C-alpha atoms as a PDB file:
ATOM      1  CA  MET A   1      46.031 -12.940 -18.896  1.00  0.00           C
ATOM      2  CA  ALA A   2      45.788 -16.133 -16.777  1.00  0.00           C
ATOM      3  CA  TYR A   3      43.358 -14.380 -14.314  1.00  0.00           C
ATOM      4  CA  GLN A   4      41.103 -13.382 -17.292  1.00  0.00           C
ATOM      5  CA  SER A   5      41.136 -16.925 -18.662  1.00  0.00           C
ATOM      6  CA  GLN A   6      40.091 -18.238 -15.458  1.00  0.00           C
ATOM      7  CA  ILE A   7      37.140 -15.967 -15.287  1.00  0.00           C
ATOM      8  CA  GLN A   8      36.043 -16.991 -18.760  1.00  0.00           C
ATOM      9  CA  SER A   9      36.293 -20.675 -17.843  1.00  0.00           C
ATOM     10  CA  THR A  10      33.861 -20.424 -14.894  1.00  0.00           C
ATOM     11  CA  THR A  11      30.173 -21.120 -15.456  1.00  0.00           C
ATOM     12  CA  ALA A  12      27.442 -18.426 -16.026  1.00  0.00           C
ATOM     13  CA  ALA A  13      26.136 -19.102 -12.405  1.00  0.00           C
ATOM     14  CA  ASP A  14      29.638 -18.531 -11.018  1.00  0.00           C
ATOM     15  CA  ASN A  15      29.916 -15.218 -12.904  1.00  0.00           C
ATOM     16  CA  LEU A  16      26.549 -14.121 -11.665  1.00  0.00           C
ATOM     17  CA  VAL A  17      27.758 -14.676  -8.068  1.00  0.00           C
ATOM     18  CA  PHE A  18      30.769 -12.720  -8.759  1.00  0.00           C
ATOM     19  CA  ALA A  19      28.680  -9.952 -10.490  1.00  0.00           C
ATOM     20  CA  TYR A  20      26.255  -9.732  -7.472  1.00  0.00           C
ATOM     21  CA  GLU A  21      29.129  -9.445  -4.960  1.00  0.00           C
ATOM     22  CA  SER A  22      30.619  -6.645  -7.125  1.00  0.00           C
ATOM     23  CA  LEU A  23      27.171  -4.779  -7.131  1.00  0.00           C
ATOM     24  CA  LYS A  24      26.834  -5.116  -3.300  1.00  0.00           C
ATOM     25  CA  ASN A  25      30.447  -3.440  -3.171  1.00  0.00           C
ATOM     26  CA  ALA A  26      29.096  -0.704  -5.605  1.00  0.00           C
ATOM     27  CA  ASP A  27      31.608  -1.847  -8.232  1.00  0.00           C
ATOM     28  CA  ILE A  28      29.651  -1.626 -11.345  1.00  0.00           C
ATOM     29  CA  GLN A  29      32.508  -1.863 -13.704  1.00  0.00           C
ATOM     30  CA  SER A  30      33.533  -5.275 -12.255  1.00  0.00           C
ATOM     31  CA  ALA A  31      29.870  -6.299 -12.184  1.00  0.00           C
ATOM     32  CA  ASP A  32      29.355  -5.467 -15.871  1.00  0.00           C
ATOM     33  CA  SER A  33      32.474  -7.594 -16.812  1.00  0.00           C
ATOM     34  CA  TYR A  34      31.298 -10.582 -14.852  1.00  0.00           C
ATOM     35  CA  LEU A  35      28.012 -10.315 -16.625  1.00  0.00           C
ATOM     36  CA  GLU A  36      29.588 -10.227 -20.002  1.00  0.00           C
ATOM     37  CA  ASN A  37      31.450 -13.416 -19.130  1.00  0.00           C
ATOM     38  CA  ALA A  38      28.272 -15.024 -17.717  1.00  0.00           C
ATOM     39  CA  LEU A  39      26.731 -14.205 -21.237  1.00  0.00           C
ATOM     40  CA  LYS A  40      29.497 -15.679 -23.088  1.00  0.00           C
ATOM     41  CA  ALA A  41      29.321 -18.929 -20.932  1.00  0.00           C
ATOM     42  CA  ASP A  42      25.583 -19.321 -21.537  1.00  0.00           C
ATOM     43  CA  PHE A  43      23.733 -16.739 -23.824  1.00  0.00           C
ATOM     44  CA  GLU A  44      20.359 -18.057 -23.271  1.00  0.00           C
ATOM     45  CA  HIS A  45      20.535 -18.112 -19.281  1.00  0.00           C
ATOM     46  CA  PRO A  46      17.356 -16.221 -18.346  1.00  0.00           C
ATOM     47  CA  GLU A  47      18.845 -14.795 -15.094  1.00  0.00           C
ATOM     48  CA  VAL A  48      22.013 -13.557 -16.965  1.00  0.00           C
ATOM     49  CA  LEU A  49      19.785 -11.970 -19.626  1.00  0.00           C
ATOM     50  CA  LEU A  50      17.707 -10.377 -16.912  1.00  0.00           C
ATOM     51  CA  ALA A  51      20.699  -9.043 -15.027  1.00  0.00           C
ATOM     52  CA  MET A  52      22.026  -7.640 -18.345  1.00  0.00           C
ATOM     53  CA  LYS A  53      18.843  -5.799 -18.954  1.00  0.00           C
ATOM     54  CA  CYS A  54      19.085  -4.220 -15.411  1.00  0.00           C
ATOM     55  CA  MET A  55      22.691  -3.271 -15.956  1.00  0.00           C
ATOM     56  CA  GLU A  56      21.972  -1.405 -19.105  1.00  0.00           C
ATOM     57  CA  PHE A  57      19.191   0.377 -17.235  1.00  0.00           C
ATOM     58  CA  TRP A  58      21.532   1.478 -14.372  1.00  0.00           C
ATOM     59  CA  LYS A  59      24.371   2.406 -16.586  1.00  0.00           C
ATOM     60  CA  ASP A  60      21.942   4.592 -18.393  1.00  0.00           C
ATOM     61  CA  GLN A  61      20.750   6.259 -15.112  1.00  0.00           C
ATOM     62  CA  LEU A  62      24.146   6.744 -13.826  1.00  0.00           C
ATOM     63  CA  SER A  63      25.186   8.652 -17.004  1.00  0.00           C
ATOM     64  CA  ARG A  64      22.467  11.132 -16.002  1.00  0.00           C
ATOM     65  CA  MET A  65      23.752  11.581 -12.322  1.00  0.00           C
ATOM     66  CA  PRO A  66      24.097  15.154 -11.130  1.00  0.00           C
ATOM     67  CA  GLU A  67      27.680  16.478 -10.787  1.00  0.00           C
ATOM     68  CA  THR A  68      29.897  15.122  -8.105  1.00  0.00           C
ATOM     69  CA  LYS A  69      29.743  18.151  -5.896  1.00  0.00           C
ATOM     70  CA  ASN A  70      25.948  17.924  -5.327  1.00  0.00           C
ATOM     71  CA  LEU A  71      26.098  14.986  -3.000  1.00  0.00           C
ATOM     72  CA  LEU A  72      22.495  15.352  -1.744  1.00  0.00           C
ATOM     73  CA  ASP A  73      21.155  15.688  -5.286  1.00  0.00           C
ATOM     74  CA  ARG A  74      23.179  12.564  -6.341  1.00  0.00           C
ATOM     75  CA  GLY A  75      21.823  10.493  -3.392  1.00  0.00           C
ATOM     76  CA  ASP A  76      18.239  11.587  -4.048  1.00  0.00           C
ATOM     77  CA  PHE A  77      18.566  10.978  -7.775  1.00  0.00           C
ATOM     78  CA  LEU A  78      19.676   7.284  -7.054  1.00  0.00           C
ATOM     79  CA  CYS A  79      16.730   6.665  -4.710  1.00  0.00           C
ATOM     80  CA  ALA A  80      14.344   8.265  -7.157  1.00  0.00           C
ATOM     81  CA  SER A  81      15.819   6.060  -9.808  1.00  0.00           C
ATOM     82  CA  TRP A  82      14.924   3.053  -7.792  1.00  0.00           C
ATOM     83  CA  LYS A  83      11.110   3.814  -8.365  1.00  0.00           C
ATOM     84  CA  LYS A  84      11.801   3.988 -12.148  1.00  0.00           C
ATOM     85  CA  PHE A  85      13.746   0.572 -11.871  1.00  0.00           C
ATOM     86  CA  MET A  86      10.709  -1.031 -10.171  1.00  0.00           C
ATOM     87  CA  LEU A  87       8.614   0.204 -13.023  1.00  0.00           C
ATOM     88  CA  PHE A  88      10.958  -1.024 -15.402  1.00  0.00           C
ATOM     89  CA  LEU A  89      10.902  -4.468 -13.945  1.00  0.00           C
ATOM     90  CA  SER A  90       7.182  -4.581 -14.047  1.00  0.00           C
ATOM     91  CA  ARG A  91       7.142  -3.483 -17.704  1.00  0.00           C
ATOM     92  CA  ILE A  92       9.639  -6.053 -18.913  1.00  0.00           C
ATOM     93  CA  GLY A  93       7.779  -8.819 -16.829  1.00  0.00           C
ATOM     94  CA  ASP A  94      10.958 -10.449 -15.674  1.00  0.00           C
ATOM     95  CA  THR A  95      11.129 -11.228 -11.903  1.00  0.00           C
ATOM     96  CA  SER A  96      13.898 -12.458  -9.912  1.00  0.00           C
ATOM     97  CA  GLU A  97      14.450 -11.571  -6.213  1.00  0.00           C
ATOM     98  CA  THR A  98      18.138 -12.351  -6.360  1.00  0.00           C
ATOM     99  CA  VAL A  99      18.672  -9.764  -9.174  1.00  0.00           C
ATOM    100  CA  ARG A 100      16.371  -7.122  -7.603  1.00  0.00           C
ATOM    101  CA  TYR A 101      18.225  -7.577  -4.352  1.00  0.00           C
ATOM    102  CA  ALA A 102      21.708  -7.252  -5.866  1.00  0.00           C
ATOM    103  CA  TYR A 103      20.781  -4.112  -7.582  1.00  0.00           C
ATOM    104  CA  LYS A 104      18.995  -2.644  -4.617  1.00  0.00           C
ATOM    105  CA  ARG A 105      22.210  -3.210  -2.522  1.00  0.00           C
ATOM    106  CA  PHE A 106      24.188  -1.390  -5.301  1.00  0.00           C
ATOM    107  CA  VAL A 107      21.874   1.650  -5.612  1.00  0.00           C
ATOM    108  CA  PHE A 108      21.208   2.275  -2.148  1.00  0.00           C
ATOM    109  CA  GLY A 109      24.810   1.502  -1.028  1.00  0.00           C
ATOM    110  CA  LEU A 110      25.867   4.105  -3.690  1.00  0.00           C
ATOM    111  CA  ALA A 111      23.183   6.554  -2.362  1.00  0.00           C
ATOM    112  CA  LEU A 112      24.475   5.972   1.234  1.00  0.00           C
ATOM    113  CA  ASP A 113      28.015   6.996   0.190  1.00  0.00           C
ATOM    114  CA  GLN A 114      26.738  10.326  -1.132  1.00  0.00           C
ATOM    115  CA  TYR A 115      24.722  11.057   2.033  1.00  0.00           C
ATOM    116  CA  LEU A 116      27.802  10.111   4.360  1.00  0.00           C
ATOM    117  CA  ALA A 117      30.097  12.249   2.427  1.00  0.00           C
ATOM    118  CA  LEU A 118      28.029  15.555   3.016  1.00  0.00           C
ATOM    119  CA  PRO A 119      29.877  18.213   5.000  1.00  0.00           C
ATOM    120  CA  ASP A 120      28.957  18.108   8.755  1.00  0.00           C
ATOM    121  CA  GLU A 121      27.288  21.498   8.576  1.00  0.00           C
ATOM    122  CA  GLU A 122      25.034  20.391   5.898  1.00  0.00           C
ATOM    123  CA  LYS A 123      24.065  17.272   7.763  1.00  0.00           C
ATOM    124  CA  ASP A 124      23.308  19.192  10.768  1.00  0.00           C
ATOM    125  CA  ALA A 125      20.997  21.663   8.672  1.00  0.00           C
ATOM    126  CA  LEU A 126      19.128  18.750   7.229  1.00  0.00           C
ATOM    127  CA  GLY A 127      18.273  17.134  10.532  1.00  0.00           C
ATOM    128  CA  ALA A 128      15.408  14.678  10.241  1.00  0.00           C
ATOM    129  CA  ALA A 129      15.275  14.845   6.487  1.00  0.00           C
ATOM    130  CA  LEU A 130      18.882  13.492   6.465  1.00  0.00           C
ATOM    131  CA  ASP A 131      17.959  10.722   9.020  1.00  0.00           C
ATOM    132  CA  LEU A 132      15.012   9.599   6.813  1.00  0.00           C
ATOM    133  CA  ARG A 133      17.494   9.304   3.777  1.00  0.00           C
ATOM    134  CA  LEU A 134      20.101   7.570   5.851  1.00  0.00           C
ATOM    135  CA  GLY A 135      17.485   5.194   7.480  1.00  0.00           C
ATOM    136  CA  ARG A 136      15.987   4.239   4.092  1.00  0.00           C
ATOM    137  CA  ALA A 137      19.325   3.574   2.458  1.00  0.00           C
ATOM    138  CA  ARG A 138      20.604   1.580   5.572  1.00  0.00           C
ATOM    139  CA  LYS A 139      17.450  -0.468   5.548  1.00  0.00           C
ATOM    140  CA  ALA A 140      17.764  -1.365   1.895  1.00  0.00           C
ATOM    141  CA  THR A 141      21.479  -2.333   2.428  1.00  0.00           C
ATOM    142  CA  GLY A 142      20.447  -4.704   5.275  1.00  0.00           C
ATOM    143  CA  ASP A 143      21.784  -2.677   8.219  1.00  0.00           C
ATOM    144  CA  ILE A 144      18.478  -2.752  10.044  1.00  0.00           C
ATOM    145  CA  GLU A 145      19.957  -1.749  13.423  1.00  0.00           C
ATOM    146  CA  THR A 146      21.359   1.543  12.209  1.00  0.00           C
ATOM    147  CA  ALA A 147      18.304   2.226  10.056  1.00  0.00           C
ATOM    148  CA  LEU A 148      16.218   2.048  13.229  1.00  0.00           C
ATOM    149  CA  ILE A 149      18.303   4.545  14.899  1.00  0.00           C
ATOM    150  CA  HIS A 150      18.136   7.013  12.135  1.00  0.00           C
ATOM    151  CA  LEU A 151      14.376   6.542  11.494  1.00  0.00           C
ATOM    152  CA  GLU A 152      13.462   6.727  15.293  1.00  0.00           C
ATOM    153  CA  ARG A 153      15.347   9.870  15.486  1.00  0.00           C
ATOM    154  CA  ALA A 154      13.540  11.295  12.243  1.00  0.00           C
ATOM    155  CA  MET A 155      10.157  10.317  13.888  1.00  0.00           C
ATOM    156  CA  GLN A 156      10.900  12.082  17.066  1.00  0.00           C
ATOM    157  CA  ALA A 157      11.282  15.314  14.899  1.00  0.00           C
ATOM    158  CA  GLN A 158       8.324  14.617  12.678  1.00  0.00           C
ATOM    159  CA  ARG A 159       5.818  12.564  14.542  1.00  0.00           C
ATOM    160  CA  ASN A 160       3.088  13.091  11.869  1.00  0.00           C
ATOM    161  CA  ASP A 161       5.019  12.406   8.775  1.00  0.00           C
ATOM    162  CA  ALA A 162       3.572   9.541   6.868  1.00  0.00           C
ATOM    163  CA  GLU A 163       6.816   8.866   4.932  1.00  0.00           C
ATOM    164  CA  VAL A 164       8.879   8.757   8.198  1.00  0.00           C
ATOM    165  CA  LEU A 165       6.411   6.424   9.967  1.00  0.00           C
ATOM    166  CA  ALA A 166       6.120   4.049   6.876  1.00  0.00           C
ATOM    167  CA  GLU A 167       9.906   3.712   6.827  1.00  0.00           C
ATOM    168  CA  LEU A 168      10.179   3.185  10.396  1.00  0.00           C
ATOM    169  CA  ALA A 169       7.313   0.674  10.375  1.00  0.00           C
ATOM    170  CA  ASP A 170       9.058  -1.198   7.478  1.00  0.00           C
ATOM    171  CA  ALA A 171      12.316  -1.427   9.402  1.00  0.00           C
ATOM    172  CA  TYR A 172      10.532  -2.596  12.613  1.00  0.00           C
ATOM    173  CA  ALA A 173       8.894  -5.497  10.545  1.00  0.00           C
ATOM    174  CA  MET A 174      12.347  -6.494   9.286  1.00  0.00           C
ATOM    175  CA  ALA A 175      13.567  -6.337  12.762  1.00  0.00           C
ATOM    176  CA  GLY A 176      10.861  -8.864  13.700  1.00  0.00           C
ATOM    177  CA  GLU A 177       8.716  -6.293  15.684  1.00  0.00           C
ATOM    178  CA  ALA A 178       5.510  -7.120  13.860  1.00  0.00           C
ATOM    179  CA  ARG A 179       2.882  -5.435  16.166  1.00  0.00           C
ATOM    180  CA  LEU A 180       4.693  -2.175  16.407  1.00  0.00           C
ATOM    181  CA  SER A 181       5.136  -2.359  12.661  1.00  0.00           C
ATOM    182  CA  LYS A 182       1.533  -2.735  11.989  1.00  0.00           C
ATOM    183  CA  ALA A 183       0.529  -0.081  14.395  1.00  0.00           C
ATOM    184  CA  LEU A 184       2.816   2.390  12.566  1.00  0.00           C
ATOM    185  CA  PHE A 185       1.884   1.334   9.125  1.00  0.00           C
ATOM    186  CA  ARG A 186      -1.765   2.029  10.037  1.00  0.00           C
ATOM    187  CA  GLU A 187      -0.867   5.425  11.166  1.00  0.00           C
ATOM    188  CA  ALA A 188       1.152   6.321   8.201  1.00  0.00           C
ATOM    189  CA  PHE A 189      -1.494   5.103   5.524  1.00  0.00           C
ATOM    190  CA  PHE A 190      -4.305   7.042   7.439  1.00  0.00           C
ATOM    191  CA  LEU A 191      -2.147  10.252   7.594  1.00  0.00           C
ATOM    192  CA  ASP A 192      -1.200  10.300   3.830  1.00  0.00           C
ATOM    193  CA  PRO A 193      -1.014   7.153   1.656  1.00  0.00           C
ATOM    194  CA  LEU A 194       0.398   9.132  -1.162  1.00  0.00           C
ATOM    195  CA  ALA A 195       3.336  10.261   0.965  1.00  0.00           C
ATOM    196  CA  VAL A 196       4.393   6.743   1.544  1.00  0.00           C
ATOM    197  CA  GLY A 197       7.117   5.417  -1.014  1.00  0.00           C
ATOM    198  CA  ILE A 198       5.652   2.078  -1.389  1.00  0.00           C
ATOM    199  CA  GLU A 199       8.370   1.198  -3.814  1.00  0.00           C
ATOM    200  CA  TYR A 200      10.912   1.350  -0.814  1.00  0.00           C
ATOM    201  CA  LEU A 201       8.872  -0.909   1.260  1.00  0.00           C
ATOM    202  CA  GLU A 202      10.343  -4.426   1.896  1.00  0.00           C
ATOM    203  CA  SER A 203       8.349  -6.103   4.759  1.00  0.00           C
ATOM    204  CA  GLU A 204       6.625  -9.368   3.571  1.00  0.00           C
ATOM    205  CA  PHE A 205       2.940  -8.568   4.672  1.00  0.00           C
ATOM    206  CA  ILE A 206       3.122  -5.141   3.024  1.00  0.00           C
ATOM    207  CA  LEU A 207       4.612  -6.536  -0.253  1.00  0.00           C
ATOM    208  CA  LYS A 208       1.815  -9.355  -0.086  1.00  0.00           C
ATOM    209  CA  ILE A 209      -0.891  -6.676   0.352  1.00  0.00           C
ATOM    210  CA  ILE A 210       0.479  -4.658  -2.580  1.00  0.00           C
ATOM    211  CA  GLU A 211       0.580  -7.892  -4.831  1.00  0.00           C
ATOM    212  CA  ASN A 212      -3.043  -8.690  -3.936  1.00  0.00           C
ATOM    213  CA  ILE A 213      -4.353  -5.058  -4.503  1.00  0.00           C
ATOM    214  CA  GLN A 214      -2.542  -5.278  -8.120  1.00  0.00           C
ATOM    215  CA  GLU A 215      -4.257  -8.447  -8.815  1.00  0.00           C
ATOM    216  CA  LEU A 216      -7.665  -6.666  -8.128  1.00  0.00           C
ATOM    217  CA  GLY A 217      -6.689  -4.448 -10.970  1.00  0.00           C
ATOM    218  CA  TYR A 218      -5.355  -1.385  -9.272  1.00  0.00           C
ATOM    219  CA  SER A 219      -2.272   0.450 -10.227  1.00  0.00           C
ATOM    220  CA  GLY A 220      -0.335   3.753  -9.857  1.00  0.00           C
ATOM    221  CA  ASN A 221      -1.355   5.990  -6.907  1.00  0.00           C
ATOM    222  CA  ASP A 222      -4.477   3.787  -6.398  1.00  0.00           C
ATOM    223  CA  ILE A 223      -2.487   1.080  -4.821  1.00  0.00           C
ATOM    224  CA  ALA A 224      -1.280   3.193  -1.853  1.00  0.00           C
ATOM    225  CA  GLU A 225      -4.812   4.709  -1.479  1.00  0.00           C
ATOM    226  CA  TRP A 226      -6.326   1.152  -1.167  1.00  0.00           C
ATOM    227  CA  ILE A 227      -3.691  -0.397   1.193  1.00  0.00           C
ATOM    228  CA  PRO A 228      -5.264   0.809   4.385  1.00  0.00           C
ATOM    229  CA  VAL A 229      -8.766  -0.300   3.192  1.00  0.00           C
ATOM    230  CA  TYR A 230      -7.682  -3.765   2.332  1.00  0.00           C
ATOM    231  CA  ALA A 231      -5.160  -4.229   5.162  1.00  0.00           C
ATOM    232  CA  GLU A 232      -8.224  -3.557   7.415  1.00  0.00           C
ATOM    233  CA  ILE A 233     -10.623  -5.989   5.875  1.00  0.00           C
ATOM    234  CA  TRP A 234      -8.002  -8.683   5.381  1.00  0.00           C
ATOM    235  CA  GLY A 235      -7.177  -8.322   9.065  1.00  0.00           C
ATOM    236  CA  VAL A 236      -3.489  -7.047   8.605  1.00  0.00           C
ATOM    237  CA  PHE A 237      -3.852  -3.657  10.262  1.00  0.00           C
ATOM    238  CA  ASN A 238      -5.272  -5.290  13.478  1.00  0.00           C
ATOM    239  CA  VAL A 239      -3.076  -3.485  16.063  1.00  0.00           C
ATOM    240  CA  LYS A 240      -4.952  -0.274  17.015  1.00  0.00           C
ATOM    241  CA  ARG A 241      -4.923   2.433  19.369  1.00  0.00           C
ATOM    242  CA  GLU A 242      -7.538   4.342  21.411  1.00  0.00           C
ATOM    243  CA  LEU A 243      -8.443   7.714  19.801  1.00  0.00           C
ATOM    244  CA  SER A 244      -9.038  10.697  21.955  1.00  0.00           C
ATOM    245  CA  ALA A 245     -12.277  12.613  21.542  1.00  0.00           C
ATOM    246  CA  ALA A 246     -10.480  15.490  19.798  1.00  0.00           C
ATOM    247  CA  GLU A 247      -8.977  12.905  17.314  1.00  0.00           C
ATOM    248  CA  TYR A 248     -12.243  11.193  16.675  1.00  0.00           C
ATOM    249  CA  ASN A 249     -14.046  14.708  16.039  1.00  0.00           C
ATOM    250  CA  ARG A 250     -11.153  15.622  13.550  1.00  0.00           C
ATOM    251  CA  ILE A 251     -11.623  12.290  11.704  1.00  0.00           C
ATOM    252  CA  SER A 252     -15.527  12.646  11.826  1.00  0.00           C
ATOM    253  CA  ALA A 253     -15.216  16.083  10.447  1.00  0.00           C
ATOM    254  CA  SER A 254     -12.772  15.036   7.675  1.00  0.00           C
ATOM    255  CA  ALA A 255     -15.154  12.148   6.716  1.00  0.00           C
ATOM    256  CA  ARG A 256     -18.095  14.878   6.422  1.00  0.00           C
ATOM    257  CA  GLN A 257     -15.877  16.853   4.129  1.00  0.00           C
ATOM    258  CA  LEU A 258     -15.188  13.871   1.863  1.00  0.00           C
ATOM    259  CA  GLU A 259     -19.025  13.112   1.735  1.00  0.00           C
ATOM    260  CA  ILE A 260     -19.691  16.583   0.645  1.00  0.00           C
ATOM    261  CA  GLU A 261     -16.908  16.372  -2.075  1.00  0.00           C
ATOM    262  CA  LEU A 262     -18.435  13.060  -3.210  1.00  0.00           C
ATOM    263  CA  ARG A 263     -21.825  14.409  -3.437  1.00  0.00           C
ATOM    264  CA  GLU A 264     -20.744  17.486  -5.369  1.00  0.00           C
ATOM    265  CA  SER A 265     -18.248  15.600  -7.610  1.00  0.00           C
ATOM    266  CA  PRO A 266     -19.488  12.130  -8.206  1.00  0.00           C
ATOM    267  CA  GLN A 267     -17.055  11.700 -10.997  1.00  0.00           C
ATOM    268  CA  ARG A 268     -14.313  11.564  -8.327  1.00  0.00           C
ATOM    269  CA  ARG A 269     -15.897   8.653  -6.610  1.00  0.00           C
ATOM    270  CA  SER A 270     -13.045   6.230  -7.352  1.00  0.00           C
ATOM    271  CA  SER A 271     -10.412   8.675  -5.886  1.00  0.00           C
ATOM    272  CA  LEU A 272     -12.401   9.678  -2.848  1.00  0.00           C
ATOM    273  CA  MET A 273     -13.684   6.261  -1.681  1.00  0.00           C
ATOM    274  CA  PRO A 274     -10.610   4.750  -0.169  1.00  0.00           C
ATOM    275  CA  GLY A 275      -9.947   7.775   2.074  1.00  0.00           C
ATOM    276  CA  LEU A 276     -13.622   7.803   3.096  1.00  0.00           C
ATOM    277  CA  LEU A 277     -13.690   4.170   3.877  1.00  0.00           C
ATOM    278  CA  ASN A 278     -10.578   4.370   5.854  1.00  0.00           C
ATOM    279  CA  ARG A 279     -11.920   7.194   7.979  1.00  0.00           C
ATOM    280  CA  TYR A 280     -15.242   5.214   8.581  1.00  0.00           C
ATOM    281  CA  PHE A 281     -13.079   2.189   9.791  1.00  0.00           C
ATOM    282  CA  TRP A 282     -11.227   4.381  12.311  1.00  0.00           C
ATOM    283  CA  MET A 283     -14.672   5.890  13.437  1.00  0.00           C
ATOM    284  CA  ALA A 284     -16.132   2.441  13.664  1.00  0.00           C
ATOM    285  CA  ASP A 285     -13.363   1.049  15.849  1.00  0.00           C
ATOM    286  CA  HIS A 286     -13.691   4.164  18.253  1.00  0.00           C
ATOM    287  CA  LEU A 287     -17.421   3.780  18.558  1.00  0.00           C
ATOM    288  CA  LYS A 288     -17.198  -0.116  19.136  1.00  0.00           C
ATOM    289  CA  ALA A 289     -14.575   0.489  21.829  1.00  0.00           C
ATOM    290  CA  ASN A 290     -16.932   3.121  23.539  1.00  0.00           C
ATOM    291  CA  GLY A 291     -19.969   0.946  23.317  1.00  0.00           C
ATOM    292  CA  ASP A 292     -21.724   3.448  21.065  1.00  0.00           C
ATOM    293  CA  GLU A 293     -24.074   0.979  19.188  1.00  0.00           C
ATOM    294  CA  ALA A 294     -26.099   3.656  17.717  1.00  0.00           C
ATOM    295  CA  GLY A 295     -23.191   5.555  16.355  1.00  0.00           C
ATOM    296  CA  LEU A 296     -21.605   2.281  15.056  1.00  0.00           C
ATOM    297  CA  ARG A 297     -24.796   1.339  13.249  1.00  0.00           C
ATOM    298  CA  SER A 298     -24.842   4.687  11.503  1.00  0.00           C
ATOM    299  CA  VAL A 299     -21.249   4.370  10.279  1.00  0.00           C
ATOM    300  CA  LEU A 300     -21.560   0.784   9.201  1.00  0.00           C
ATOM    301  CA  LEU A 301     -24.661   1.912   7.139  1.00  0.00           C
ATOM    302  CA  LYS A 302     -22.550   4.571   5.448  1.00  0.00           C
ATOM    303  CA  ILE A 303     -19.886   1.803   4.531  1.00  0.00           C
ATOM    304  CA  LYS A 304     -22.612  -0.389   3.210  1.00  0.00           C
ATOM    305  CA  ILE A 305     -24.081   2.480   1.003  1.00  0.00           C
ATOM    306  CA  LEU A 306     -20.615   3.449  -0.259  1.00  0.00           C
ATOM    307  CA  ASP A 307     -19.599  -0.038  -1.191  1.00  0.00           C
ATOM    308  CA  GLN A 308     -21.509  -3.132  -0.439  1.00  0.00           C
ATOM    309  CA  SER A 309     -18.625  -5.632  -1.187  1.00  0.00           C
ATOM    310  CA  ILE A 310     -16.366  -3.852   1.150  1.00  0.00           C
ATOM    311  CA  TYR A 311     -19.029  -3.736   3.786  1.00  0.00           C
ATOM    312  CA  ALA A 312     -19.578  -7.536   3.458  1.00  0.00           C
ATOM    313  CA  SER A 313     -15.839  -8.135   3.871  1.00  0.00           C
ATOM    314  CA  TYR A 314     -15.679  -5.677   6.785  1.00  0.00           C
ATOM    315  CA  ILE A 315     -18.377  -7.168   8.895  1.00  0.00           C
ATOM    316  CA  GLY A 316     -17.735 -10.887   7.833  1.00  0.00           C
END
């Protein structure tokens, strides 16, 4: 009783701190109790109210968890629920990095527990797919060094997997390796923007790009599609590699195919444009590096015809 009385006599801010620490330790029952006490201490405290809304969201999600024996499904369910949570936060319009971070530590810490509890034979069978999951969860819980080990191993097995490359790029950014991060992000968003789980990304420069693209009016899948375009014209994806002749030919052929699709289905212009522009950018870089001025002029003209504002920003 004395302990309970002591808790209730603390301030809302104190109880918030205790709640966040409980969440980081995957103790949602204690976190819920501390939030209730915080609400009693100050029922108008905006951060308490937000944290309580988030708690109700996660209690509902946890009630839908797969059975305990399905450890992989449970971990995947939690990670997928994070995407829903990010959408939930955007809809309620409340933002607090402290609240978001506490729940992120809770969710991915709990997901990590599921993955680590898998039988050894199942871990071995999953291979790179498990390394991706472990790397993402480790990154979200702040263990960047171990995350890099898992994600580098996943990349060695799946070098052209956009999801793996983006997670590795994000971890490198958080480790202070900005140049390597930008190079890998550029590759990932070229290979398959929609395969990248942008809700899981945490590096500051990518989050800023996402925020700016949202301010331009894009939402949903359009955000990922436009990231490589605006990252190029805003000078963020400025770490580039030389293409081989075979790579350039493949990109050029892919651009021609998109041009055909655009002519045949003009109603799909908005969905085809970012991918086509991104290919033009890669082609322009290659032609510029090889001194092909005629080829470069041709590609720049294609960009100008496709979108004059993008063209002006690109050459500006």
